[in-house]
């Protein structure tokens, strides 16, 4: 199962390299990429909390009928990442942000 996520990890690193080390004025895709990575950084704690208990269950849940093992694993990895990202987004918006706002009110 480990090798299923290796291509996704290298793809993410390649995207970060493109977004971080090239001219932002030249390509609009780089602006979108850096915004996505910045927002993912804000949500990183929610992603950290969500992925560990549910990662194995989601991988086994997404088991589409595909013709090859590679495509089957790729589809499973994509849907798993999208599901974890979506759940983490809602946790970030409705728990983390609200808790930060509540903490600021308590501080005053």
PDB file of N, CA and C in Angstrom:
ATOM      1  N   UNK A   1       0.820  -1.198   0.000  1.00  0.00           N
ATOM      2  CA  UNK A   1       0.000   0.000   0.000  1.00  0.00           C
ATOM      3  C   UNK A   1       0.859   1.255   0.000  1.00  0.00           C
ATOM      4  N   UNK A   2       2.062   1.149   0.536  1.00  0.00           N
ATOM      5  CA  UNK A   2       2.941   2.306   0.597  1.00  0.00           C
ATOM      6  C   UNK A   2       3.261   2.834  -0.801  1.00  0.00           C
ATOM      7  N   UNK A   3       3.514   1.934  -1.725  1.00  0.00           N
ATOM      8  CA  UNK A   3       3.921   2.339  -3.066  1.00  0.00           C
ATOM      9  C   UNK A   3       2.792   2.986  -3.855  1.00  0.00           C
ATOM     10  N   UNK A   4       1.566   2.839  -3.392  1.00  0.00           N
ATOM     11  CA  UNK A   4       0.446   3.468  -4.066  1.00  0.00           C
ATOM     12  C   UNK A   4       0.527   4.992  -3.931  1.00  0.00           C
ATOM     13  N   UNK A   5       1.099   5.495  -2.850  1.00  0.00           N
ATOM     14  CA  UNK A   5       1.124   6.925  -2.598  1.00  0.00           C
ATOM     15  C   UNK A   5       2.435   7.589  -3.009  1.00  0.00           C
ATOM     16  N   UNK A   6       3.409   6.823  -3.417  1.00  0.00           N
ATOM     17  CA  UNK A   6       4.692   7.394  -3.828  1.00  0.00           C
ATOM     18  C   UNK A   6       4.541   8.325  -5.035  1.00  0.00           C
ATOM     19  N   UNK A   7       3.826   7.921  -6.121  1.00  0.00           N
ATOM     20  CA  UNK A   7       3.672   8.853  -7.248  1.00  0.00           C
ATOM     21  C   UNK A   7       2.955  10.146  -6.866  1.00  0.00           C
ATOM     22  N   UNK A   8       1.971  10.053  -5.999  1.00  0.00           N
ATOM     23  CA  UNK A   8       1.258  11.253  -5.572  1.00  0.00           C
ATOM     24  C   UNK A   8       2.173  12.179  -4.773  1.00  0.00           C
ATOM     25  N   UNK A   9       3.039  11.609  -3.969  1.00  0.00           N
ATOM     26  CA  UNK A   9       3.972  12.407  -3.185  1.00  0.00           C
ATOM     27  C   UNK A   9       4.950  13.144  -4.096  1.00  0.00           C
ATOM     28  N   UNK A  10       5.495  12.436  -5.085  1.00  0.00           N
ATOM     29  CA  UNK A  10       6.423  13.087  -6.007  1.00  0.00           C
ATOM     30  C   UNK A  10       5.720  14.128  -6.876  1.00  0.00           C
ATOM     31  N   UNK A  11       4.479  13.886  -7.244  1.00  0.00           N
ATOM     32  CA  UNK A  11       3.729  14.875  -8.020  1.00  0.00           C
ATOM     33  C   UNK A  11       3.504  16.139  -7.197  1.00  0.00           C
ATOM     34  N   UNK A  12       3.185  15.979  -5.928  1.00  0.00           N
ATOM     35  CA  UNK A  12       2.982  17.136  -5.052  1.00  0.00           C
ATOM     36  C   UNK A  12       4.281  17.912  -4.873  1.00  0.00           C
ATOM     37  N   UNK A  13       5.390  17.214  -4.708  1.00  0.00           N
ATOM     38  CA  UNK A  13       6.679  17.892  -4.583  1.00  0.00           C
ATOM     39  C   UNK A  13       7.044  18.643  -5.857  1.00  0.00           C
ATOM     40  N   UNK A  14       6.746  18.048  -7.005  1.00  0.00           N
ATOM     41  CA  UNK A  14       7.027  18.719  -8.279  1.00  0.00           C
ATOM     42  C   UNK A  14       6.179  19.971  -8.425  1.00  0.00           C
ATOM     43  N   UNK A  15       4.911  19.908  -8.037  1.00  0.00           N
ATOM     44  CA  UNK A  15       4.050  21.086  -8.103  1.00  0.00           C
ATOM     45  C   UNK A  15       4.540  22.189  -7.167  1.00  0.00           C
ATOM     46  N   UNK A  16       4.999  21.799  -5.982  1.00  0.00           N
ATOM     47  CA  UNK A  16       5.516  22.805  -5.062  1.00  0.00           C
ATOM     48  C   UNK A  16       6.782  23.453  -5.625  1.00  0.00           C
ATOM     49  N   UNK A  17       7.631  22.663  -6.260  1.00  0.00           N
ATOM     50  CA  UNK A  17       8.845  23.210  -6.852  1.00  0.00           C
ATOM     51  C   UNK A  17       8.499  24.215  -7.939  1.00  0.00           C
ATOM     52  N   UNK A  18       7.552  23.884  -8.770  1.00  0.00           N
ATOM     53  CA  UNK A  18       7.130  24.809  -9.832  1.00  0.00           C
ATOM     54  C   UNK A  18       6.540  26.076  -9.228  1.00  0.00           C
ATOM     55  N   UNK A  19       5.709  25.917  -8.221  1.00  0.00           N
ATOM     56  CA  UNK A  19       5.045  27.074  -7.627  1.00  0.00           C
ATOM     57  C   UNK A  19       5.943  27.961  -6.809  1.00  0.00           C
ATOM     58  N   UNK A  20       6.955  27.390  -6.172  1.00  0.00           N
ATOM     59  CA  UNK A  20       7.768  28.173  -5.256  1.00  0.00           C
ATOM     60  C   UNK A  20       9.017  28.777  -5.891  1.00  0.00           C
ATOM     61  N   UNK A  21       9.543  28.167  -6.924  1.00  0.00           N
ATOM     62  CA  UNK A  21      10.840  28.600  -7.429  1.00  0.00           C
ATOM     63  C   UNK A  21      10.807  29.210  -8.825  1.00  0.00           C
ATOM     64  N   UNK A  22       9.654  29.518  -9.330  1.00  0.00           N
ATOM     65  CA  UNK A  22       9.576  30.141 -10.640  1.00  0.00           C
ATOM     66  C   UNK A  22       8.868  31.484 -10.536  1.00  0.00           C
ATOM     67  N   UNK A  23       8.922  32.242 -11.582  1.00  0.00           N
ATOM     68  CA  UNK A  23       8.375  33.592 -11.621  1.00  0.00           C
ATOM     69  C   UNK A  23       6.844  33.553 -11.535  1.00  0.00           C
ATOM     70  N   UNK A  24       6.283  34.209 -10.515  1.00  0.00           N
ATOM     71  CA  UNK A  24       4.832  34.203 -10.332  1.00  0.00           C
ATOM     72  C   UNK A  24       4.115  35.121 -11.312  1.00  0.00           C
ATOM     73  N   UNK A  25       4.784  36.105 -11.817  1.00  0.00           N
ATOM     74  CA  UNK A  25       4.146  37.051 -12.728  1.00  0.00           C
ATOM     75  C   UNK A  25       3.888  36.437 -14.097  1.00  0.00           C
ATOM     76  N   UNK A  26       4.656  35.441 -14.454  1.00  0.00           N
ATOM     77  CA  UNK A  26       4.611  34.917 -15.803  1.00  0.00           C
ATOM     78  C   UNK A  26       3.403  34.002 -16.047  1.00  0.00           C
ATOM     79  N   UNK A  27       3.063  33.169 -15.095  1.00  0.00           N
ATOM     80  CA  UNK A  27       2.000  32.181 -15.296  1.00  0.00           C
ATOM     81  C   UNK A  27       0.930  32.328 -14.222  1.00  0.00           C
ATOM     82  N   UNK A  28      -0.314  32.329 -14.628  1.00  0.00           N
ATOM     83  CA  UNK A  28      -1.396  32.426 -13.649  1.00  0.00           C
ATOM     84  C   UNK A  28      -1.596  31.104 -12.917  1.00  0.00           C
ATOM     85  N   UNK A  29      -1.196  29.990 -13.527  1.00  0.00           N
ATOM     86  CA  UNK A  29      -1.346  28.691 -12.862  1.00  0.00           C
ATOM     87  C   UNK A  29      -0.490  28.642 -11.604  1.00  0.00           C
ATOM     88  N   UNK A  30       0.619  29.340 -11.608  1.00  0.00           N
ATOM     89  CA  UNK A  30       1.473  29.368 -10.424  1.00  0.00           C
ATOM     90  C   UNK A  30       0.809  30.137  -9.285  1.00  0.00           C
ATOM     91  N   UNK A  31       0.082  31.187  -9.615  1.00  0.00           N
ATOM     92  CA  UNK A  31      -0.640  31.926  -8.584  1.00  0.00           C
ATOM     93  C   UNK A  31      -1.706  31.042  -7.946  1.00  0.00           C
ATOM     94  N   UNK A  32      -2.406  30.299  -8.784  1.00  0.00           N
ATOM     95  CA  UNK A  32      -3.430  29.392  -8.276  1.00  0.00           C
ATOM     96  C   UNK A  32      -2.792  28.313  -7.418  1.00  0.00           C
ATOM     97  N   UNK A  33      -1.666  27.791  -7.865  1.00  0.00           N
ATOM     98  CA  UNK A  33      -0.975  26.748  -7.118  1.00  0.00           C
ATOM     99  C   UNK A  33      -0.509  27.245  -5.761  1.00  0.00           C
ATOM    100  N   UNK A  34       0.065  28.425  -5.706  1.00  0.00           N
ATOM    101  CA  UNK A  34       0.556  28.935  -4.432  1.00  0.00           C
ATOM    102  C   UNK A  34      -0.607  29.245  -3.485  1.00  0.00           C
ATOM    103  N   UNK A  35      -1.753  29.686  -4.016  1.00  0.00           N
ATOM    104  CA  UNK A  35      -2.930  29.901  -3.177  1.00  0.00           C
ATOM    105  C   UNK A  35      -3.444  28.575  -2.625  1.00  0.00           C
ATOM    106  N   UNK A  36      -3.457  27.550  -3.487  1.00  0.00           N
ATOM    107  CA  UNK A  36      -3.891  26.225  -3.044  1.00  0.00           C
ATOM    108  C   UNK A  36      -2.965  25.683  -1.963  1.00  0.00           C
ATOM    109  N   UNK A  37      -1.659  25.803  -2.172  1.00  0.00           N
ATOM    110  CA  UNK A  37      -0.709  25.308  -1.184  1.00  0.00           C
ATOM    111  C   UNK A  37      -0.774  26.111   0.109  1.00  0.00           C
ATOM    112  N   UNK A  38      -1.001  27.404   0.020  1.00  0.00           N
ATOM    113  CA  UNK A  38      -1.134  28.227   1.227  1.00  0.00           C
ATOM    114  C   UNK A  38      -2.368  27.832   2.026  1.00  0.00           C
ATOM    115  N   UNK A  39      -3.485  27.630   1.317  1.00  0.00           N
ATOM    116  CA  UNK A  39      -4.701  27.220   2.014  1.00  0.00           C
ATOM    117  C   UNK A  39      -4.554  25.818   2.600  1.00  0.00           C
ATOM    118  N   UNK A  40      -3.874  24.936   1.871  1.00  0.00           N
ATOM    119  CA  UNK A  40      -3.626  23.596   2.391  1.00  0.00           C
ATOM    120  C   UNK A  40      -2.751  23.673   3.638  1.00  0.00           C
ATOM    121  N   UNK A  41      -1.817  24.609   3.661  1.00  0.00           N
ATOM    122  CA  UNK A  41      -1.005  24.815   4.854  1.00  0.00           C
ATOM    123  C   UNK A  41      -1.835  25.261   6.043  1.00  0.00           C
ATOM    124  N   UNK A  42      -2.813  26.115   5.803  1.00  0.00           N
ATOM    125  CA  UNK A  42      -3.707  26.535   6.889  1.00  0.00           C
ATOM    126  C   UNK A  42      -4.527  25.361   7.415  1.00  0.00           C
ATOM    127  N   UNK A  43      -4.914  24.472   6.515  1.00  0.00           N
ATOM    128  CA  UNK A  43      -5.734  23.318   6.897  1.00  0.00           C
ATOM    129  C   UNK A  43      -4.899  22.122   7.346  1.00  0.00           C
ATOM    130  N   UNK A  44      -3.593  22.266   7.408  1.00  0.00           N
ATOM    131  CA  UNK A  44      -2.725  21.109   7.621  1.00  0.00           C
ATOM    132  C   UNK A  44      -3.009  20.384   8.934  1.00  0.00           C
ATOM    133  N   UNK A  45      -3.385  21.108   9.979  1.00  0.00           N
ATOM    134  CA  UNK A  45      -3.676  20.442  11.239  1.00  0.00           C
ATOM    135  C   UNK A  45      -4.931  19.579  11.120  1.00  0.00           C
ATOM    136  N   UNK A  46      -5.949  20.073  10.434  1.00  0.00           N
ATOM    137  CA  UNK A  46      -7.147  19.265  10.215  1.00  0.00           C
ATOM    138  C   UNK A  46      -6.837  18.048   9.353  1.00  0.00           C
ATOM    139  N   UNK A  47      -6.014  18.232   8.333  1.00  0.00           N
ATOM    140  CA  UNK A  47      -5.627  17.106   7.491  1.00  0.00           C
ATOM    141  C   UNK A  47      -4.874  16.076   8.327  1.00  0.00           C
ATOM    142  N   UNK A  48      -3.983  16.554   9.175  1.00  0.00           N
ATOM    143  CA  UNK A  48      -3.222  15.667  10.051  1.00  0.00           C
ATOM    144  C   UNK A  48      -4.149  14.857  10.959  1.00  0.00           C
ATOM    145  N   UNK A  49      -5.137  15.521  11.534  1.00  0.00           N
ATOM    146  CA  UNK A  49      -6.044  14.823  12.448  1.00  0.00           C
ATOM    147  C   UNK A  49      -6.975  13.852  11.733  1.00  0.00           C
ATOM    148  N   UNK A  50      -7.406  14.193  10.532  1.00  0.00           N
ATOM    149  CA  UNK A  50      -8.382  13.379   9.815  1.00  0.00           C
ATOM    150  C   UNK A  50      -7.747  12.189   9.113  1.00  0.00           C
ATOM    151  N   UNK A  51      -6.573  12.372   8.527  1.00  0.00           N
ATOM    152  CA  UNK A  51      -6.057  11.315   7.655  1.00  0.00           C
ATOM    153  C   UNK A  51      -5.676  10.048   8.409  1.00  0.00           C
ATOM    154  N   UNK A  52      -5.149  10.174   9.618  1.00  0.00           N
ATOM    155  CA  UNK A  52      -4.643   8.990  10.298  1.00  0.00           C
ATOM    156  C   UNK A  52      -5.731   7.962  10.630  1.00  0.00           C
ATOM    157  N   UNK A  53      -6.825   8.338  11.267  1.00  0.00           N
ATOM    158  CA  UNK A  53      -7.797   7.300  11.619  1.00  0.00           C
ATOM    159  C   UNK A  53      -8.612   6.771  10.437  1.00  0.00           C
ATOM    160  N   UNK A  54      -8.698   7.533   9.350  1.00  0.00           N
ATOM    161  CA  UNK A  54      -9.589   7.127   8.266  1.00  0.00           C
ATOM    162  C   UNK A  54      -8.900   6.710   6.977  1.00  0.00           C
ATOM    163  N   UNK A  55      -7.599   6.853   6.885  1.00  0.00           N
ATOM    164  CA  UNK A  55      -6.893   6.600   5.631  1.00  0.00           C
ATOM    165  C   UNK A  55      -7.054   5.157   5.159  1.00  0.00           C
ATOM    166  N   UNK A  56      -6.792   4.197   6.000  1.00  0.00           N
ATOM    167  CA  UNK A  56      -6.894   2.785   5.598  1.00  0.00           C
ATOM    168  C   UNK A  56      -8.336   2.413   5.246  1.00  0.00           C
ATOM    169  N   UNK A  57      -9.298   2.922   6.016  1.00  0.00           N
ATOM    170  CA  UNK A  57     -10.705   2.621   5.730  1.00  0.00           C
ATOM    171  C   UNK A  57     -11.143   3.206   4.396  1.00  0.00           C
ATOM    172  N   UNK A  58     -10.711   4.422   4.094  1.00  0.00           N
ATOM    173  CA  UNK A  58     -11.089   5.034   2.821  1.00  0.00           C
ATOM    174  C   UNK A  58     -10.447   4.330   1.636  1.00  0.00           C
ATOM    175  N   UNK A  59      -9.217   3.902   1.795  1.00  0.00           N
ATOM    176  CA  UNK A  59      -8.559   3.177   0.712  1.00  0.00           C
ATOM    177  C   UNK A  59      -9.303   1.884   0.407  1.00  0.00           C
ATOM    178  N   UNK A  60      -9.711   1.182   1.440  1.00  0.00           N
ATOM    179  CA  UNK A  60     -10.439  -0.069   1.202  1.00  0.00           C
ATOM    180  C   UNK A  60     -11.868   0.197   0.722  1.00  0.00           C
ATOM    181  N   UNK A  61     -12.443   1.345   1.085  1.00  0.00           N
ATOM    182  CA  UNK A  61     -13.802   1.674   0.644  1.00  0.00           C
ATOM    183  C   UNK A  61     -13.853   1.956  -0.850  1.00  0.00           C
ATOM    184  N   UNK A  62     -12.902   2.746  -1.332  1.00  0.00           N
ATOM    185  CA  UNK A  62     -12.865   3.078  -2.758  1.00  0.00           C
ATOM    186  C   UNK A  62     -12.176   1.949  -3.507  1.00  0.00           C
ATOM    187  N   UNK A  63     -12.947   1.036  -4.001  1.00  0.00           N
ATOM    188  CA  UNK A  63     -12.392  -0.094  -4.731  1.00  0.00           C
ATOM    189  C   UNK A  63     -13.151  -0.250  -6.042  1.00  0.00           C
ATOM    190  N   UNK A  64     -12.943   0.677  -6.989  1.00  0.00           N
ATOM    191  CA  UNK A  64     -13.684   0.586  -8.251  1.00  0.00           C
ATOM    192  C   UNK A  64     -13.187  -0.577  -9.110  1.00  0.00           C
ATOM    193  N   UNK A  65     -14.033  -1.058  -9.976  1.00  0.00           N
ATOM    194  CA  UNK A  65     -13.643  -2.121 -10.886  1.00  0.00           C
ATOM    195  C   UNK A  65     -12.891  -1.504 -12.060  1.00  0.00           C
ATOM    196  N   UNK A  66     -11.596  -1.722 -12.064  1.00  0.00           N
ATOM    197  CA  UNK A  66     -10.753  -1.176 -13.122  1.00  0.00           C
ATOM    198  C   UNK A  66     -10.030  -2.320 -13.815  1.00  0.00           C
ATOM    199  N   UNK A  67      -9.438  -2.010 -14.966  1.00  0.00           N
ATOM    200  CA  UNK A  67      -8.790  -3.041 -15.764  1.00  0.00           C
ATOM    201  C   UNK A  67      -7.392  -3.391 -15.290  1.00  0.00           C
ATOM    202  N   UNK A  68      -6.730  -2.476 -14.648  1.00  0.00           N
ATOM    203  CA  UNK A  68      -5.377  -2.778 -14.199  1.00  0.00           C
ATOM    204  C   UNK A  68      -5.206  -2.357 -12.753  1.00  0.00           C
ATOM    205  N   UNK A  69      -4.214  -2.932 -12.131  1.00  0.00           N
ATOM    206  CA  UNK A  69      -3.951  -2.611 -10.736  1.00  0.00           C
ATOM    207  C   UNK A  69      -3.501  -1.159 -10.601  1.00  0.00           C
ATOM    208  N   UNK A  70      -2.688  -0.676 -11.548  1.00  0.00           N
ATOM    209  CA  UNK A  70      -2.212   0.709 -11.478  1.00  0.00           C
ATOM    210  C   UNK A  70      -3.373   1.688 -11.483  1.00  0.00           C
ATOM    211  N   UNK A  71      -4.299   1.538 -12.420  1.00  0.00           N
ATOM    212  CA  UNK A  71      -5.431   2.472 -12.506  1.00  0.00           C
ATOM    213  C   UNK A  71      -6.343   2.320 -11.303  1.00  0.00           C
ATOM    214  N   UNK A  72      -6.505   1.120 -10.832  1.00  0.00           N
ATOM    215  CA  UNK A  72      -7.315   0.889  -9.649  1.00  0.00           C
ATOM    216  C   UNK A  72      -6.720   1.629  -8.452  1.00  0.00           C
ATOM    217  N   UNK A  73      -5.434   1.498  -8.250  1.00  0.00           N
ATOM    218  CA  UNK A  73      -4.771   2.178  -7.135  1.00  0.00           C
ATOM    219  C   UNK A  73      -4.763   3.687  -7.312  1.00  0.00           C
ATOM    220  N   UNK A  74      -4.585   4.150  -8.533  1.00  0.00           N
ATOM    221  CA  UNK A  74      -4.600   5.588  -8.790  1.00  0.00           C
ATOM    222  C   UNK A  74      -5.961   6.188  -8.481  1.00  0.00           C
ATOM    223  N   UNK A  75      -7.007   5.533  -8.925  1.00  0.00           N
ATOM    224  CA  UNK A  75      -8.371   6.019  -8.656  1.00  0.00           C
ATOM    225  C   UNK A  75      -8.646   6.007  -7.164  1.00  0.00           C
ATOM    226  N   UNK A  76      -8.255   4.950  -6.494  1.00  0.00           N
ATOM    227  CA  UNK A  76      -8.454   4.867  -5.046  1.00  0.00           C
ATOM    228  C   UNK A  76      -7.697   5.980  -4.323  1.00  0.00           C
ATOM    229  N   UNK A  77      -6.460   6.248  -4.745  1.00  0.00           N
ATOM    230  CA  UNK A  77      -5.666   7.295  -4.095  1.00  0.00           C
ATOM    231  C   UNK A  77      -6.290   8.669  -4.317  1.00  0.00           C
ATOM    232  N   UNK A  78      -6.740   8.947  -5.528  1.00  0.00           N
ATOM    233  CA  UNK A  78      -7.345  10.246  -5.830  1.00  0.00           C
ATOM    234  C   UNK A  78      -8.607  10.459  -5.006  1.00  0.00           C
ATOM    235  N   UNK A  79      -9.490   9.483  -4.987  1.00  0.00           N
ATOM    236  CA  UNK A  79     -10.722   9.634  -4.208  1.00  0.00           C
ATOM    237  C   UNK A  79     -10.442   9.707  -2.710  1.00  0.00           C
ATOM    238  N   UNK A  80      -9.440   8.971  -2.248  1.00  0.00           N
ATOM    239  CA  UNK A  80      -9.084   9.029  -0.835  1.00  0.00           C
ATOM    240  C   UNK A  80      -8.578  10.414  -0.461  1.00  0.00           C
ATOM    241  N   UNK A  81      -7.670  10.958  -1.267  1.00  0.00           N
ATOM    242  CA  UNK A  81      -7.158  12.294  -0.985  1.00  0.00           C
ATOM    243  C   UNK A  81      -8.259  13.350  -1.059  1.00  0.00           C
ATOM    244  N   UNK A  82      -9.132  13.253  -2.053  1.00  0.00           N
ATOM    245  CA  UNK A  82     -10.218  14.229  -2.172  1.00  0.00           C
ATOM    246  C   UNK A  82     -11.167  14.154  -0.985  1.00  0.00           C
ATOM    247  N   UNK A  83     -11.466  12.954  -0.527  1.00  0.00           N
ATOM    248  CA  UNK A  83     -12.358  12.790   0.626  1.00  0.00           C
ATOM    249  C   UNK A  83     -11.720  13.360   1.890  1.00  0.00           C
ATOM    250  N   UNK A  84     -10.459  13.042   2.115  1.00  0.00           N
ATOM    251  CA  UNK A  84      -9.777  13.560   3.299  1.00  0.00           C
ATOM    252  C   UNK A  84      -9.666  15.084   3.224  1.00  0.00           C
ATOM    253  N   UNK A  85      -9.385  15.610   2.056  1.00  0.00           N
ATOM    254  CA  UNK A  85      -9.290  17.059   1.888  1.00  0.00           C
ATOM    255  C   UNK A  85     -10.640  17.725   2.158  1.00  0.00           C
ATOM    256  N   UNK A  86     -11.723  17.137   1.668  1.00  0.00           N
ATOM    257  CA  UNK A  86     -13.058  17.709   1.873  1.00  0.00           C
ATOM    258  C   UNK A  86     -13.449  17.683   3.349  1.00  0.00           C
ATOM    259  N   UNK A  87     -13.219  16.566   4.016  1.00  0.00           N
ATOM    260  CA  UNK A  87     -13.545  16.473   5.443  1.00  0.00           C
ATOM    261  C   UNK A  87     -12.697  17.456   6.240  1.00  0.00           C
ATOM    262  N   UNK A  88     -11.424  17.559   5.887  1.00  0.00           N
ATOM    263  CA  UNK A  88     -10.531  18.485   6.577  1.00  0.00           C
ATOM    264  C   UNK A  88     -10.950  19.929   6.347  1.00  0.00           C
ATOM    265  N   UNK A  89     -11.429  20.238   5.150  1.00  0.00           N
ATOM    266  CA  UNK A  89     -11.902  21.588   4.854  1.00  0.00           C
ATOM    267  C   UNK A  89     -13.060  21.965   5.780  1.00  0.00           C
ATOM    268  N   UNK A  90     -14.017  21.057   5.926  1.00  0.00           N
ATOM    269  CA  UNK A  90     -15.156  21.354   6.797  1.00  0.00           C
ATOM    270  C   UNK A  90     -14.732  21.445   8.257  1.00  0.00           C
ATOM    271  N   UNK A  91     -13.820  20.605   8.688  1.00  0.00           N
ATOM    272  CA  UNK A  91     -13.314  20.704  10.060  1.00  0.00           C
ATOM    273  C   UNK A  91     -12.592  22.030  10.272  1.00  0.00           C
ATOM    274  N   UNK A  92     -11.830  22.444   9.286  1.00  0.00           N
ATOM    275  CA  UNK A  92     -11.114  23.718   9.397  1.00  0.00           C
ATOM    276  C   UNK A  92     -12.100  24.883   9.487  1.00  0.00           C
ATOM    277  N   UNK A  93     -13.071  24.910   8.564  1.00  0.00           N
ATOM    278  CA  UNK A  93     -14.008  26.032   8.510  1.00  0.00           C
ATOM    279  C   UNK A  93     -14.913  26.096   9.733  1.00  0.00           C
ATOM    280  N   UNK A  94     -15.420  24.948  10.168  1.00  0.00           N
ATOM    281  CA  UNK A  94     -16.456  24.964  11.199  1.00  0.00           C
ATOM    282  C   UNK A  94     -15.947  24.661  12.602  1.00  0.00           C
ATOM    283  N   UNK A  95     -14.723  24.190  12.743  1.00  0.00           N
ATOM    284  CA  UNK A  95     -14.190  23.938  14.080  1.00  0.00           C
ATOM    285  C   UNK A  95     -13.007  24.864  14.370  1.00  0.00           C
ATOM    286  N   UNK A  96     -11.981  24.804  13.515  1.00  0.00           N
ATOM    287  CA  UNK A  96     -10.780  25.597  13.790  1.00  0.00           C
ATOM    288  C   UNK A  96     -11.042  27.095  13.741  1.00  0.00           C
ATOM    289  N   UNK A  97     -11.637  27.558  12.652  1.00  0.00           N
ATOM    290  CA  UNK A  97     -11.869  29.002  12.510  1.00  0.00           C
ATOM    291  C   UNK A  97     -12.810  29.502  13.593  1.00  0.00           C
ATOM    292  N   UNK A  98     -13.853  28.754  13.883  1.00  0.00           N
ATOM    293  CA  UNK A  98     -14.802  29.167  14.932  1.00  0.00           C
ATOM    294  C   UNK A  98     -14.127  29.161  16.304  1.00  0.00           C
ATOM    295  N   UNK A  99     -13.235  28.196  16.550  1.00  0.00           N
ATOM    296  CA  UNK A  99     -12.523  28.155  17.826  1.00  0.00           C
ATOM    297  C   UNK A  99     -11.569  29.333  17.957  1.00  0.00           C
ATOM    298  N   UNK A 100     -10.911  29.704  16.871  1.00  0.00           N
ATOM    299  CA  UNK A 100     -10.014  30.857  16.904  1.00  0.00           C
ATOM    300  C   UNK A 100     -10.801  32.125  17.175  1.00  0.00           C
ATOM    301  N   UNK A 101     -11.950  32.274  16.523  1.00  0.00           N
ATOM    302  CA  UNK A 101     -12.798  33.449  16.760  1.00  0.00           C
ATOM    303  C   UNK A 101     -13.289  33.485  18.206  1.00  0.00           C
ATOM    304  N   UNK A 102     -13.676  32.346  18.728  1.00  0.00           N
ATOM    305  CA  UNK A 102     -14.144  32.262  20.108  1.00  0.00           C
ATOM    306  C   UNK A 102     -13.012  32.601  21.076  1.00  0.00           C
ATOM    307  N   UNK A 103     -11.811  32.127  20.795  1.00  0.00           N
ATOM    308  CA  UNK A 103     -10.650  32.441  21.636  1.00  0.00           C
ATOM    309  C   UNK A 103     -10.336  33.923  21.632  1.00  0.00           C
ATOM    310  N   UNK A 104     -10.493  34.575  20.489  1.00  0.00           N
ATOM    311  CA  UNK A 104     -10.260  36.032  20.411  1.00  0.00           C
ATOM    312  C   UNK A 104     -11.297  36.791  21.228  1.00  0.00           C
ATOM    313  N   UNK A 105     -12.539  36.298  21.202  1.00  0.00           N
ATOM    314  CA  UNK A 105     -13.584  36.942  22.015  1.00  0.00           C
ATOM    315  C   UNK A 105     -13.309  36.772  23.506  1.00  0.00           C
ATOM    316  N   UNK A 106     -12.841  35.592  23.896  1.00  0.00           N
ATOM    317  CA  UNK A 106     -12.533  35.347  25.294  1.00  0.00           C
ATOM    318  C   UNK A 106     -11.358  36.221  25.766  1.00  0.00           C
ATOM    319  N   UNK A 107     -10.423  36.441  24.880  1.00  0.00           N
ATOM    320  CA  UNK A 107      -9.251  37.242  25.217  1.00  0.00           C
ATOM    321  C   UNK A 107      -9.635  38.681  25.532  1.00  0.00           C
ATOM    322  N   UNK A 108     -10.643  39.185  24.792  1.00  0.00           N
ATOM    323  CA  UNK A 108     -11.101  40.558  25.017  1.00  0.00           C
ATOM    324  C   UNK A 108     -11.921  40.587  26.272  1.00  0.00           C
TER     325      UNK A 108
END
